[in-house]
Amino acid sequence: MSELSICMPSNRPLVRSGNSIRSALAYAERTGALLIVSDNSRDPEKRAYLQNLSPNLVYHDSPSDDASGNWLEVLSLVDTPFLLPMGDDDELHFAEGQVSVDLASLPTDVVGVRPQTQIWMADNGICRTECFTIDETSPGERLLEFARKVMGNNTIYYSIYRSDVFLPLLRFFTEAHPTRGGYCDWSLSFALLTAGRVVHDPSLIYRYDLGAWATADGIAEASSNLYEKSGLPAGAEKFASLLRFLDVHVFTLRRSLPLTSAERGQVLLMNGRLAMAAFLRNVQANAEDYDEVVRYLAELIEQERDIQSIFHLAVLLADCVKPGLKDGYVRFFQSAQAA
């Protein structure tokens, strides 16, 4: 039985996704993994090429037209203990001479395995390689460690994770989150790290295509697009830390997350220290960018010490991002009690 499924929801036609798929399939055949491609490109050439291509490839002609639905499609096909999410513009490679991590022998307190992540640009090739691990033993301290080590991007999301941790989280997100926005990968990474440490596999190379993020203007535009594509208004990225605070708080309340009561409380407090504190600093430093209601609620939050009271005030702030978003977060919060 294979230990690993490489999960690729793919919307690009074959001419634009072929290199990515072929690289992942070569890695799967080398290591005994499975590559699952959930394809909603509607490209007949791609379908014909991928069907029955390899016993290590599971091809799924996805009926879903949206990205979140296609994620659910690919995840529904996973029956291995570990999975690796992968974009259909990225590549996987095997580093010769390196020893692979034995997934079957990983300690139970390890939730993920970090590849050797190569940040790649079409014009300049590989511009940086990242392979930092997350080593702290307590879940709250792992969030702090991640915040200190991260280098402006969230490539750690594209790592190997235990399926029994990743699948419930992503299903809950796609079924219950009020926006299901692409910007939420940061919150998802923080939530995954509450479940365990992340070690490094030097034999696995994940080449991340920087694409639209390659320049300063590109980063700003791409970030803004992620919020607008999720239905939020222009300028919503100024609420990024607030939205991350809300999301990680709700993710942490899930009953399926194997945390003690003390550990859960530690994570909630650390999330407030990292995300909510960053939002409050931004409101103070750029008060002219926020309306009177935001500034007033931010002042009330600064005076609070109870994390649940802070969360309730933050939910009220959601309507300042977009009218009606508060109700969406109330439903999201309620859904967490059963997740």
C-alpha atoms as a PDB file:
ATOM      1  CA  MET A   1       0.000   0.000   0.000  1.00  0.00           C
ATOM      2  CA  SER A   2       1.243   3.471  -0.863  1.00  0.00           C
ATOM      3  CA  GLU A   3       1.870   5.841   2.038  1.00  0.00           C
ATOM      4  CA  LEU A   4       1.492   9.079   0.059  1.00  0.00           C
ATOM      5  CA  SER A   5      -1.026  10.692  -2.295  1.00  0.00           C
ATOM      6  CA  ILE A   6       0.048  13.761  -4.260  1.00  0.00           C
ATOM      7  CA  CYS A   7      -3.150  15.804  -4.599  1.00  0.00           C
ATOM      8  CA  MET A   8      -3.429  18.107  -7.603  1.00  0.00           C
ATOM      9  CA  PRO A   9      -6.684  19.918  -8.389  1.00  0.00           C
ATOM     10  CA  SER A  10      -6.003  21.084 -11.946  1.00  0.00           C
ATOM     11  CA  ASN A  11      -7.792  23.749 -13.972  1.00  0.00           C
ATOM     12  CA  ARG A  12      -5.086  24.512 -16.526  1.00  0.00           C
ATOM     13  CA  PRO A  13      -5.108  22.820 -19.959  1.00  0.00           C
ATOM     14  CA  LEU A  14      -2.445  20.254 -20.764  1.00  0.00           C
ATOM     15  CA  VAL A  15      -0.186  22.739 -22.529  1.00  0.00           C
ATOM     16  CA  ARG A  16       0.109  24.727 -19.268  1.00  0.00           C
ATOM     17  CA  SER A  17      -0.044  21.923 -16.682  1.00  0.00           C
ATOM     18  CA  GLY A  18       1.791  19.114 -18.496  1.00  0.00           C
ATOM     19  CA  ASN A  19       5.249  19.780 -17.040  1.00  0.00           C
ATOM     20  CA  SER A  20       3.830  19.920 -13.534  1.00  0.00           C
ATOM     21  CA  ILE A  21       1.896  16.669 -13.930  1.00  0.00           C
ATOM     22  CA  ARG A  22       4.800  14.824 -15.546  1.00  0.00           C
ATOM     23  CA  SER A  23       7.205  15.881 -12.791  1.00  0.00           C
ATOM     24  CA  ALA A  24       4.805  14.732 -10.070  1.00  0.00           C
ATOM     25  CA  LEU A  25       4.169  11.438 -11.845  1.00  0.00           C
ATOM     26  CA  ALA A  26       7.909  10.775 -12.214  1.00  0.00           C
ATOM     27  CA  TYR A  27       8.319  11.367  -8.464  1.00  0.00           C
ATOM     28  CA  ALA A  28       5.359   9.104  -7.698  1.00  0.00           C
ATOM     29  CA  GLU A  29       6.741   6.295  -9.854  1.00  0.00           C
ATOM     30  CA  ARG A  30      10.178   6.679  -8.257  1.00  0.00           C
ATOM     31  CA  THR A  31       8.875   6.536  -4.690  1.00  0.00           C
ATOM     32  CA  GLY A  32       5.739   4.391  -4.951  1.00  0.00           C
ATOM     33  CA  ALA A  33       3.394   7.303  -4.268  1.00  0.00           C
ATOM     34  CA  LEU A  34       0.097   7.994  -6.026  1.00  0.00           C
ATOM     35  CA  LEU A  35      -0.630  11.122  -8.041  1.00  0.00           C
ATOM     36  CA  ILE A  36      -4.304  12.144  -7.979  1.00  0.00           C
ATOM     37  CA  VAL A  37      -5.253  14.716 -10.627  1.00  0.00           C
ATOM     38  CA  SER A  38      -8.767  16.124 -10.280  1.00  0.00           C
ATOM     39  CA  ASP A  39      -9.184  17.842 -13.619  1.00  0.00           C
ATOM     40  CA  ASN A  40     -11.833  20.497 -14.286  1.00  0.00           C
ATOM     41  CA  SER A  41     -10.061  22.093 -17.264  1.00  0.00           C
ATOM     42  CA  ARG A  42     -12.520  20.578 -19.774  1.00  0.00           C
ATOM     43  CA  ASP A  43      -9.513  20.007 -22.064  1.00  0.00           C
ATOM     44  CA  PRO A  44     -10.145  16.852 -24.154  1.00  0.00           C
ATOM     45  CA  GLU A  45      -6.452  16.561 -25.059  1.00  0.00           C
ATOM     46  CA  LYS A  46      -5.538  16.492 -21.376  1.00  0.00           C
ATOM     47  CA  ARG A  47      -8.195  13.900 -20.558  1.00  0.00           C
ATOM     48  CA  ALA A  48      -7.065  11.632 -23.374  1.00  0.00           C
ATOM     49  CA  TYR A  49      -3.414  11.971 -22.395  1.00  0.00           C
ATOM     50  CA  LEU A  50      -3.866  11.266 -18.681  1.00  0.00           C
ATOM     51  CA  GLN A  51      -6.413   8.462 -18.714  1.00  0.00           C
ATOM     52  CA  ASN A  52      -4.644   5.132 -18.135  1.00  0.00           C
ATOM     53  CA  LEU A  53      -1.224   6.799 -18.363  1.00  0.00           C
ATOM     54  CA  SER A  54       0.301   5.051 -15.325  1.00  0.00           C
ATOM     55  CA  PRO A  55      -0.712   2.774 -12.434  1.00  0.00           C
ATOM     56  CA  ASN A  56       0.646   5.537 -10.158  1.00  0.00           C
ATOM     57  CA  LEU A  57      -1.806   8.090 -11.599  1.00  0.00           C
ATOM     58  CA  VAL A  58      -5.436   8.428 -10.565  1.00  0.00           C
ATOM     59  CA  TYR A  59      -7.181  10.664 -13.116  1.00  0.00           C
ATOM     60  CA  HIS A  60     -10.533  12.179 -12.117  1.00  0.00           C
ATOM     61  CA  ASP A  61     -12.691  14.157 -14.541  1.00  0.00           C
ATOM     62  CA  SER A  62     -14.065  16.585 -11.964  1.00  0.00           C
ATOM     63  CA  PRO A  63     -17.675  17.813 -12.270  1.00  0.00           C
ATOM     64  CA  SER A  64     -16.885  20.862 -10.123  1.00  0.00           C
ATOM     65  CA  ASP A  65     -16.239  24.197 -11.839  1.00  0.00           C
ATOM     66  CA  ASP A  66     -14.896  26.121  -8.839  1.00  0.00           C
ATOM     67  CA  ALA A  67     -11.572  25.756  -7.052  1.00  0.00           C
ATOM     68  CA  SER A  68     -13.013  24.862  -3.633  1.00  0.00           C
ATOM     69  CA  GLY A  69     -15.281  22.214  -5.085  1.00  0.00           C
ATOM     70  CA  ASN A  70     -12.405  20.707  -7.024  1.00  0.00           C
ATOM     71  CA  TRP A  71     -10.362  20.530  -3.816  1.00  0.00           C
ATOM     72  CA  LEU A  72     -13.156  18.491  -2.264  1.00  0.00           C
ATOM     73  CA  GLU A  73     -13.150  16.240  -5.318  1.00  0.00           C
ATOM     74  CA  VAL A  74      -9.432  15.441  -5.090  1.00  0.00           C
ATOM     75  CA  LEU A  75      -9.501  15.008  -1.325  1.00  0.00           C
ATOM     76  CA  SER A  76     -12.403  12.562  -1.580  1.00  0.00           C
ATOM     77  CA  LEU A  77     -10.099  10.187  -3.488  1.00  0.00           C
ATOM     78  CA  VAL A  78      -7.354  10.034  -0.834  1.00  0.00           C
ATOM     79  CA  ASP A  79      -7.029   6.733   1.036  1.00  0.00           C
ATOM     80  CA  THR A  80      -3.364   6.917   2.043  1.00  0.00           C
ATOM     81  CA  PRO A  81      -2.000   7.901   5.489  1.00  0.00           C
ATOM     82  CA  PHE A  82      -0.232  10.981   4.051  1.00  0.00           C
ATOM     83  CA  LEU A  83      -0.949  13.514   1.335  1.00  0.00           C
ATOM     84  CA  LEU A  84       0.848  16.357  -0.403  1.00  0.00           C
ATOM     85  CA  PRO A  85      -1.180  19.280  -1.837  1.00  0.00           C
ATOM     86  CA  MET A  86       0.290  20.528  -5.114  1.00  0.00           C
ATOM     87  CA  GLY A  87      -0.475  23.317  -7.571  1.00  0.00           C
ATOM     88  CA  ASP A  88      -0.652  22.485 -11.264  1.00  0.00           C
ATOM     89  CA  ASP A  89       1.977  25.116 -12.082  1.00  0.00           C
ATOM     90  CA  ASP A  90       4.572  23.733  -9.634  1.00  0.00           C
ATOM     91  CA  GLU A  91       6.961  20.777 -10.000  1.00  0.00           C
ATOM     92  CA  LEU A  92       8.203  17.853  -7.888  1.00  0.00           C
ATOM     93  CA  HIS A  93      11.669  16.325  -8.188  1.00  0.00           C
ATOM     94  CA  PHE A  94      13.772  13.707  -6.381  1.00  0.00           C
ATOM     95  CA  ALA A  95      17.163  14.862  -5.071  1.00  0.00           C
ATOM     96  CA  GLU A  96      19.684  12.194  -5.972  1.00  0.00           C
ATOM     97  CA  GLY A  97      21.981  11.059  -3.168  1.00  0.00           C
ATOM     98  CA  GLN A  98      19.567  12.138  -0.414  1.00  0.00           C
ATOM     99  CA  VAL A  99      17.826   9.791   2.021  1.00  0.00           C
ATOM    100  CA  SER A 100      14.021   9.956   2.070  1.00  0.00           C
ATOM    101  CA  VAL A 101      12.034  10.214   5.272  1.00  0.00           C
ATOM    102  CA  ASP A 102      10.233   6.964   6.083  1.00  0.00           C
ATOM    103  CA  LEU A 103       6.646   8.165   6.454  1.00  0.00           C
ATOM    104  CA  ALA A 104       5.497   4.920   8.086  1.00  0.00           C
ATOM    105  CA  SER A 105       8.017   5.394  10.917  1.00  0.00           C
ATOM    106  CA  LEU A 106       7.314   9.045  11.759  1.00  0.00           C
ATOM    107  CA  PRO A 107       6.706   9.800  15.445  1.00  0.00           C
ATOM    108  CA  THR A 108       3.073  10.547  16.239  1.00  0.00           C
ATOM    109  CA  ASP A 109       3.874  14.143  17.229  1.00  0.00           C
ATOM    110  CA  VAL A 110       5.001  14.920  13.649  1.00  0.00           C
ATOM    111  CA  VAL A 111       2.174  16.269  11.494  1.00  0.00           C
ATOM    112  CA  GLY A 112       4.158  17.167   8.402  1.00  0.00           C
ATOM    113  CA  VAL A 113       7.271  16.681   6.291  1.00  0.00           C
ATOM    114  CA  ARG A 114       8.755  19.765   4.683  1.00  0.00           C
ATOM    115  CA  PRO A 115      10.314  19.430   1.214  1.00  0.00           C
ATOM    116  CA  GLN A 116      13.307  21.320  -0.032  1.00  0.00           C
ATOM    117  CA  THR A 117      11.223  24.202  -1.386  1.00  0.00           C
ATOM    118  CA  GLN A 118      12.702  26.039  -4.363  1.00  0.00           C
ATOM    119  CA  ILE A 119      11.213  29.464  -5.039  1.00  0.00           C
ATOM    120  CA  TRP A 120      11.324  29.679  -8.840  1.00  0.00           C
ATOM    121  CA  MET A 121      10.731  32.418 -11.423  1.00  0.00           C
ATOM    122  CA  ALA A 122      10.489  31.960 -15.191  1.00  0.00           C
ATOM    123  CA  ASP A 123      13.008  34.733 -15.907  1.00  0.00           C
ATOM    124  CA  ASN A 124      15.548  34.040 -13.160  1.00  0.00           C
ATOM    125  CA  GLY A 125      15.173  30.358 -12.290  1.00  0.00           C
ATOM    126  CA  ILE A 126      15.636  29.364  -8.632  1.00  0.00           C
ATOM    127  CA  CYS A 127      15.954  32.484  -6.496  1.00  0.00           C
ATOM    128  CA  ARG A 128      15.801  30.927  -3.013  1.00  0.00           C
ATOM    129  CA  THR A 129      15.566  27.537  -1.304  1.00  0.00           C
ATOM    130  CA  GLU A 130      13.686  27.066   1.971  1.00  0.00           C
ATOM    131  CA  CYS A 131      13.712  24.017   4.225  1.00  0.00           C
ATOM    132  CA  PHE A 132      13.079  25.280   7.757  1.00  0.00           C
ATOM    133  CA  THR A 133      11.389  22.897  10.182  1.00  0.00           C
ATOM    134  CA  ILE A 134       8.925  23.487  13.025  1.00  0.00           C
ATOM    135  CA  ASP A 135      10.403  21.905  16.148  1.00  0.00           C
ATOM    136  CA  GLU A 136       8.604  23.228  19.232  1.00  0.00           C
ATOM    137  CA  THR A 137       6.746  20.634  21.278  1.00  0.00           C
ATOM    138  CA  SER A 138       3.793  22.787  22.392  1.00  0.00           C
ATOM    139  CA  PRO A 139       1.201  23.921  19.817  1.00  0.00           C
ATOM    140  CA  GLY A 140       1.202  27.570  20.830  1.00  0.00           C
ATOM    141  CA  GLU A 141       4.971  27.807  20.619  1.00  0.00           C
ATOM    142  CA  ARG A 142       4.865  26.201  17.150  1.00  0.00           C
ATOM    143  CA  LEU A 143       2.709  29.089  15.935  1.00  0.00           C
ATOM    144  CA  LEU A 144       5.244  31.559  17.295  1.00  0.00           C
ATOM    145  CA  GLU A 145       8.122  29.609  15.741  1.00  0.00           C
ATOM    146  CA  PHE A 146       6.388  29.629  12.350  1.00  0.00           C
ATOM    147  CA  ALA A 147       5.741  33.376  12.562  1.00  0.00           C
ATOM    148  CA  ARG A 148       9.432  33.966  13.336  1.00  0.00           C
ATOM    149  CA  LYS A 149      10.809  31.683  10.607  1.00  0.00           C
ATOM    150  CA  VAL A 150       8.462  32.378   7.709  1.00  0.00           C
ATOM    151  CA  MET A 151      10.069  34.483   4.980  1.00  0.00           C
ATOM    152  CA  GLY A 152       7.166  36.363   3.436  1.00  0.00           C
ATOM    153  CA  ASN A 153       5.555  33.410   1.691  1.00  0.00           C
ATOM    154  CA  ASN A 154       3.535  30.396   2.741  1.00  0.00           C
ATOM    155  CA  THR A 155       5.277  27.641   0.798  1.00  0.00           C
ATOM    156  CA  ILE A 156       5.288  25.373   3.867  1.00  0.00           C
ATOM    157  CA  TYR A 157       1.639  24.727   3.021  1.00  0.00           C
ATOM    158  CA  TYR A 158       2.920  22.579   0.129  1.00  0.00           C
ATOM    159  CA  SER A 159       4.317  19.886   2.400  1.00  0.00           C
ATOM    160  CA  ILE A 160       3.415  16.299   3.212  1.00  0.00           C
ATOM    161  CA  TYR A 161       0.754  16.088   5.948  1.00  0.00           C
ATOM    162  CA  ARG A 162      -1.011  13.337   7.822  1.00  0.00           C
ATOM    163  CA  SER A 163      -4.296  12.740   6.000  1.00  0.00           C
ATOM    164  CA  ASP A 164      -6.276  12.370   9.231  1.00  0.00           C
ATOM    165  CA  VAL A 165      -5.300  15.948  10.153  1.00  0.00           C
ATOM    166  CA  PHE A 166      -5.361  17.629   6.735  1.00  0.00           C
ATOM    167  CA  LEU A 167      -8.600  16.117   5.388  1.00  0.00           C
ATOM    168  CA  PRO A 168     -10.957  17.146   8.239  1.00  0.00           C
ATOM    169  CA  LEU A 169      -9.510  20.659   8.264  1.00  0.00           C
ATOM    170  CA  LEU A 170      -9.847  21.206   4.501  1.00  0.00           C
ATOM    171  CA  ARG A 171     -13.320  19.686   4.379  1.00  0.00           C
ATOM    172  CA  PHE A 172     -14.432  21.914   7.236  1.00  0.00           C
ATOM    173  CA  PHE A 173     -12.910  24.930   5.504  1.00  0.00           C
ATOM    174  CA  THR A 174     -14.496  24.278   2.114  1.00  0.00           C
ATOM    175  CA  GLU A 175     -17.897  23.445   3.579  1.00  0.00           C
ATOM    176  CA  ALA A 176     -18.199  26.064   6.335  1.00  0.00           C
ATOM    177  CA  HIS A 177     -15.868  29.034   5.796  1.00  0.00           C
ATOM    178  CA  PRO A 178     -17.723  32.258   4.903  1.00  0.00           C
ATOM    179  CA  THR A 179     -15.503  33.142   1.911  1.00  0.00           C
ATOM    180  CA  ARG A 180     -13.381  30.033   1.156  1.00  0.00           C
ATOM    181  CA  GLY A 181     -10.828  32.532  -0.167  1.00  0.00           C
ATOM    182  CA  GLY A 182      -7.418  31.695  -1.576  1.00  0.00           C
ATOM    183  CA  TYR A 183      -5.894  34.069   0.984  1.00  0.00           C
ATOM    184  CA  CYS A 184      -6.820  31.577   3.735  1.00  0.00           C
ATOM    185  CA  ASP A 185      -3.797  29.335   3.096  1.00  0.00           C
ATOM    186  CA  TRP A 186      -1.985  31.235   5.857  1.00  0.00           C
ATOM    187  CA  SER A 187      -4.713  30.421   8.383  1.00  0.00           C
ATOM    188  CA  LEU A 188      -4.749  26.810   7.227  1.00  0.00           C
ATOM    189  CA  SER A 189      -0.990  26.517   7.773  1.00  0.00           C
ATOM    190  CA  PHE A 190      -1.233  27.905  11.296  1.00  0.00           C
ATOM    191  CA  ALA A 191      -4.070  25.475  11.999  1.00  0.00           C
ATOM    192  CA  LEU A 192      -2.103  22.489  10.681  1.00  0.00           C
ATOM    193  CA  LEU A 193       0.891  23.353  12.846  1.00  0.00           C
ATOM    194  CA  THR A 194      -1.217  23.181  15.996  1.00  0.00           C
ATOM    195  CA  ALA A 195      -1.392  19.412  15.397  1.00  0.00           C
ATOM    196  CA  GLY A 196       2.340  18.620  15.426  1.00  0.00           C
ATOM    197  CA  ARG A 197       5.927  19.266  14.418  1.00  0.00           C
ATOM    198  CA  VAL A 198       7.235  19.480  10.846  1.00  0.00           C
ATOM    199  CA  VAL A 199      10.455  17.690   9.862  1.00  0.00           C
ATOM    200  CA  HIS A 200      12.498  17.998   6.646  1.00  0.00           C
ATOM    201  CA  ASP A 201      12.915  15.520   3.787  1.00  0.00           C
ATOM    202  CA  PRO A 202      15.989  16.568   1.741  1.00  0.00           C
ATOM    203  CA  SER A 203      15.143  14.086  -1.024  1.00  0.00           C
ATOM    204  CA  LEU A 204      11.892  15.834  -1.948  1.00  0.00           C
ATOM    205  CA  ILE A 205      12.169  19.011  -4.011  1.00  0.00           C
ATOM    206  CA  TYR A 206       9.052  21.155  -4.423  1.00  0.00           C
ATOM    207  CA  ARG A 207       9.608  23.832  -7.066  1.00  0.00           C
ATOM    208  CA  TYR A 208       7.166  26.640  -6.339  1.00  0.00           C
ATOM    209  CA  ASP A 209       6.387  28.896  -9.306  1.00  0.00           C
ATOM    210  CA  LEU A 210       6.389  32.448  -7.929  1.00  0.00           C
ATOM    211  CA  GLY A 211       4.456  33.605 -11.002  1.00  0.00           C
ATOM    212  CA  ALA A 212       2.419  36.747 -10.321  1.00  0.00           C
ATOM    213  CA  TRP A 213       4.141  37.170  -6.940  1.00  0.00           C
ATOM    214  CA  ALA A 214       7.536  37.786  -8.552  1.00  0.00           C
ATOM    215  CA  THR A 215       7.643  41.599  -8.132  1.00  0.00           C
ATOM    216  CA  ALA A 216       6.591  44.003  -5.419  1.00  0.00           C
ATOM    217  CA  ASP A 217       3.750  45.314  -7.598  1.00  0.00           C
ATOM    218  CA  GLY A 218       2.858  41.737  -8.478  1.00  0.00           C
ATOM    219  CA  ILE A 219       2.665  40.743  -4.815  1.00  0.00           C
ATOM    220  CA  ALA A 220       0.327  43.641  -3.988  1.00  0.00           C
ATOM    221  CA  GLU A 221      -1.894  42.993  -7.001  1.00  0.00           C
ATOM    222  CA  ALA A 222      -1.986  39.211  -6.544  1.00  0.00           C
ATOM    223  CA  SER A 223      -2.786  39.576  -2.852  1.00  0.00           C
ATOM    224  CA  SER A 224      -5.598  42.023  -3.592  1.00  0.00           C
ATOM    225  CA  ASN A 225      -6.988  39.688  -6.242  1.00  0.00           C
ATOM    226  CA  LEU A 226      -7.194  36.805  -3.766  1.00  0.00           C
ATOM    227  CA  TYR A 227      -9.514  38.838  -1.535  1.00  0.00           C
ATOM    228  CA  GLU A 228     -11.624  40.213  -4.373  1.00  0.00           C
ATOM    229  CA  LYS A 229     -12.016  36.782  -6.009  1.00  0.00           C
ATOM    230  CA  SER A 230     -13.440  35.521  -2.717  1.00  0.00           C
ATOM    231  CA  GLY A 231     -16.171  38.154  -2.824  1.00  0.00           C
ATOM    232  CA  LEU A 232     -14.583  40.727  -0.512  1.00  0.00           C
ATOM    233  CA  PRO A 233     -14.412  44.404  -1.538  1.00  0.00           C
ATOM    234  CA  ALA A 234     -11.350  46.176  -2.891  1.00  0.00           C
ATOM    235  CA  GLY A 235      -8.947  47.051  -0.085  1.00  0.00           C
ATOM    236  CA  ALA A 236     -10.000  44.113   2.108  1.00  0.00           C
ATOM    237  CA  GLU A 237      -6.366  43.034   2.452  1.00  0.00           C
ATOM    238  CA  LYS A 238      -5.923  45.749   5.106  1.00  0.00           C
ATOM    239  CA  PHE A 239      -8.018  43.421   7.305  1.00  0.00           C
ATOM    240  CA  ALA A 240      -5.753  40.413   6.618  1.00  0.00           C
ATOM    241  CA  SER A 241      -4.586  39.986  10.228  1.00  0.00           C
ATOM    242  CA  LEU A 242      -8.126  40.327  11.567  1.00  0.00           C
ATOM    243  CA  LEU A 243      -9.416  37.657   9.186  1.00  0.00           C
ATOM    244  CA  ARG A 244      -6.528  35.353  10.087  1.00  0.00           C
ATOM    245  CA  PHE A 245      -7.287  35.830  13.778  1.00  0.00           C
ATOM    246  CA  LEU A 246     -10.927  34.868  13.237  1.00  0.00           C
ATOM    247  CA  ASP A 247     -10.088  31.862  11.069  1.00  0.00           C
ATOM    248  CA  VAL A 248      -7.391  30.336  13.278  1.00  0.00           C
ATOM    249  CA  HIS A 249      -9.554  30.868  16.363  1.00  0.00           C
ATOM    250  CA  VAL A 250     -12.440  28.949  14.790  1.00  0.00           C
ATOM    251  CA  PHE A 251     -10.165  26.249  13.357  1.00  0.00           C
ATOM    252  CA  THR A 252      -8.763  25.704  16.861  1.00  0.00           C
ATOM    253  CA  LEU A 253     -12.232  25.129  18.330  1.00  0.00           C
ATOM    254  CA  ARG A 254     -12.865  22.031  16.171  1.00  0.00           C
ATOM    255  CA  ARG A 255     -13.522  18.929  18.246  1.00  0.00           C
ATOM    256  CA  SER A 256     -11.597  16.837  15.713  1.00  0.00           C
ATOM    257  CA  LEU A 257      -8.379  18.660  16.608  1.00  0.00           C
ATOM    258  CA  PRO A 258      -6.488  16.465  19.125  1.00  0.00           C
ATOM    259  CA  LEU A 259      -5.645  19.146  21.708  1.00  0.00           C
ATOM    260  CA  THR A 260      -6.091  19.165  25.460  1.00  0.00           C
ATOM    261  CA  SER A 261      -8.109  22.002  26.957  1.00  0.00           C
ATOM    262  CA  ALA A 262      -4.895  23.666  28.155  1.00  0.00           C
ATOM    263  CA  GLU A 263      -3.249  23.342  24.727  1.00  0.00           C
ATOM    264  CA  ARG A 264      -6.324  24.756  23.003  1.00  0.00           C
ATOM    265  CA  GLY A 265      -6.310  27.736  25.317  1.00  0.00           C
ATOM    266  CA  GLN A 266      -2.606  28.273  24.664  1.00  0.00           C
ATOM    267  CA  VAL A 267      -3.192  28.301  20.902  1.00  0.00           C
ATOM    268  CA  LEU A 268      -6.069  30.776  21.184  1.00  0.00           C
ATOM    269  CA  LEU A 269      -3.937  33.146  23.262  1.00  0.00           C
ATOM    270  CA  MET A 270      -0.956  32.853  20.921  1.00  0.00           C
ATOM    271  CA  ASN A 271      -3.189  33.499  17.926  1.00  0.00           C
ATOM    272  CA  GLY A 272      -4.374  36.684  19.594  1.00  0.00           C
ATOM    273  CA  ARG A 273      -0.795  37.676  20.362  1.00  0.00           C
ATOM    274  CA  LEU A 274       0.267  37.159  16.748  1.00  0.00           C
ATOM    275  CA  ALA A 275      -2.708  38.033  14.542  1.00  0.00           C
ATOM    276  CA  MET A 276      -4.960  40.343  16.549  1.00  0.00           C
ATOM    277  CA  ALA A 277      -2.012  42.320  17.922  1.00  0.00           C
ATOM    278  CA  ALA A 278      -0.783  42.846  14.351  1.00  0.00           C
ATOM    279  CA  PHE A 279      -4.217  44.135  13.305  1.00  0.00           C
ATOM    280  CA  LEU A 280      -4.405  46.549  16.246  1.00  0.00           C
ATOM    281  CA  ARG A 281      -0.937  47.894  15.448  1.00  0.00           C
ATOM    282  CA  ASN A 282      -2.002  48.464  11.859  1.00  0.00           C
ATOM    283  CA  VAL A 283      -5.133  50.355  12.910  1.00  0.00           C
ATOM    284  CA  GLN A 284      -3.053  52.562  15.205  1.00  0.00           C
ATOM    285  CA  ALA A 285      -0.390  53.242  12.582  1.00  0.00           C
ATOM    286  CA  ASN A 286      -2.834  53.810   9.709  1.00  0.00           C
ATOM    287  CA  ALA A 287      -5.931  55.140  11.429  1.00  0.00           C
ATOM    288  CA  GLU A 288      -6.945  57.122   8.341  1.00  0.00           C
ATOM    289  CA  ASP A 289      -7.467  53.861   6.434  1.00  0.00           C
ATOM    290  CA  TYR A 290     -10.202  52.670   8.808  1.00  0.00           C
ATOM    291  CA  ASP A 291     -13.602  54.115   9.623  1.00  0.00           C
ATOM    292  CA  GLU A 292     -14.874  55.246  13.012  1.00  0.00           C
ATOM    293  CA  VAL A 293     -16.530  51.921  13.850  1.00  0.00           C
ATOM    294  CA  VAL A 294     -13.314  49.978  13.236  1.00  0.00           C
ATOM    295  CA  ARG A 295     -11.287  52.370  15.356  1.00  0.00           C
ATOM    296  CA  TYR A 296     -13.858  52.215  18.178  1.00  0.00           C
ATOM    297  CA  LEU A 297     -14.034  48.415  18.225  1.00  0.00           C
ATOM    298  CA  ALA A 298     -10.242  48.225  18.058  1.00  0.00           C
ATOM    299  CA  GLU A 299     -10.047  50.398  21.179  1.00  0.00           C
ATOM    300  CA  LEU A 300     -12.483  48.088  22.979  1.00  0.00           C
ATOM    301  CA  ILE A 301     -10.395  45.057  22.005  1.00  0.00           C
ATOM    302  CA  GLU A 302      -7.241  46.726  23.329  1.00  0.00           C
ATOM    303  CA  GLN A 303      -8.914  47.038  26.744  1.00  0.00           C
ATOM    304  CA  GLU A 304     -10.010  43.375  26.824  1.00  0.00           C
ATOM    305  CA  ARG A 305      -7.986  40.534  28.347  1.00  0.00           C
ATOM    306  CA  ASP A 306     -10.387  37.631  27.830  1.00  0.00           C
ATOM    307  CA  ILE A 307      -9.689  35.936  24.491  1.00  0.00           C
ATOM    308  CA  GLN A 308     -13.309  34.868  23.943  1.00  0.00           C
ATOM    309  CA  SER A 309     -14.528  38.447  24.485  1.00  0.00           C
ATOM    310  CA  ILE A 310     -11.882  39.624  22.029  1.00  0.00           C
ATOM    311  CA  PHE A 311     -13.144  37.074  19.514  1.00  0.00           C
ATOM    312  CA  HIS A 312     -16.744  38.255  19.877  1.00  0.00           C
ATOM    313  CA  LEU A 313     -15.705  41.868  19.251  1.00  0.00           C
ATOM    314  CA  ALA A 314     -13.637  40.711  16.270  1.00  0.00           C
ATOM    315  CA  VAL A 315     -16.720  39.009  14.813  1.00  0.00           C
ATOM    316  CA  LEU A 316     -18.494  42.376  14.950  1.00  0.00           C
ATOM    317  CA  LEU A 317     -15.567  43.861  13.028  1.00  0.00           C
ATOM    318  CA  ALA A 318     -16.184  41.383  10.202  1.00  0.00           C
ATOM    319  CA  ASP A 319     -19.142  43.491   9.056  1.00  0.00           C
ATOM    320  CA  CYS A 320     -16.714  46.384   8.591  1.00  0.00           C
ATOM    321  CA  VAL A 321     -14.876  44.263   6.044  1.00  0.00           C
ATOM    322  CA  LYS A 322     -18.101  43.420   4.207  1.00  0.00           C
ATOM    323  CA  PRO A 323     -21.721  43.804   5.361  1.00  0.00           C
ATOM    324  CA  GLY A 324     -23.110  40.378   6.231  1.00  0.00           C
ATOM    325  CA  LEU A 325     -19.710  38.782   6.869  1.00  0.00           C
ATOM    326  CA  LYS A 326     -20.409  38.810  10.615  1.00  0.00           C
ATOM    327  CA  ASP A 327     -23.309  36.395  10.136  1.00  0.00           C
ATOM    328  CA  GLY A 328     -21.070  34.170   8.039  1.00  0.00           C
ATOM    329  CA  TYR A 329     -18.549  33.998  10.880  1.00  0.00           C
ATOM    330  CA  VAL A 330     -21.265  33.256  13.414  1.00  0.00           C
ATOM    331  CA  ARG A 331     -22.300  30.247  11.305  1.00  0.00           C
ATOM    332  CA  PHE A 332     -18.636  29.265  10.869  1.00  0.00           C
ATOM    333  CA  PHE A 333     -18.167  29.391  14.648  1.00  0.00           C
ATOM    334  CA  GLN A 334     -21.262  27.285  15.211  1.00  0.00           C
ATOM    335  CA  SER A 335     -20.123  24.717  12.630  1.00  0.00           C
ATOM    336  CA  ALA A 336     -16.814  24.277  14.481  1.00  0.00           C
ATOM    337  CA  GLN A 337     -18.618  22.789  17.453  1.00  0.00           C
ATOM    338  CA  ALA A 338     -19.540  19.753  15.340  1.00  0.00           C
ATOM    339  CA  ALA A 339     -16.359  19.547  13.244  1.00  0.00           C
END
